[in-house]
């Protein structure tokens, strides 16, 4: 049972080298990284590869690392994922790994209650990596939102991979070599 569990939730459409680098960086803070594929996203549609295809690619890309595991969540908000994870990790501190853009979206999301985000941070913390800039949390939340030492991989997004495949540009260097052929099949 990890003392600190880092949760890396995403669409992994497809998994990229940046996703794996984020997980590696999270292990400087946490004992285990749980990659989570939500069945439903609150901010985007599930298009492209199916959930099963993404799961297979993620399983292959993470297979060699003993401190990485994979889960599927019914919902996509961090608090929903945390509530699903807590029964499986009852004694672990939960920390979500995200980039600056996701941290800003999560902090500004309309949860119907202005205090909702601060209340969520009682359940989980955020490890925030640089992504097209750095996230500076409000001082009152800084104890539960920590910067993650991570070299920014701005061009290594799943969107960039799909766009490069679509226009016939170079993309293989952006994804784990172990899944490059599968990505070519799924996204062409």
Foldseek 3Di string as FASTA:
>chain_A
DKQAEEEEEDQCLPPWVQSVQLQVLCVVPTQAYEYEYEPEEPPDDNDFDDPVLNVVNVCQLCVVDPRYHYYYFPYHQPLRVLVVCCVVVVNYAYEYEEEQVVVVCNQPPPPVDNCVSVVSLVSHAYAYEYAVHHHDDDPVRDVRYHYGPGDYPNCLDSVNLLVCLVVVHDRCNTHPVSCSVVSNVRRD
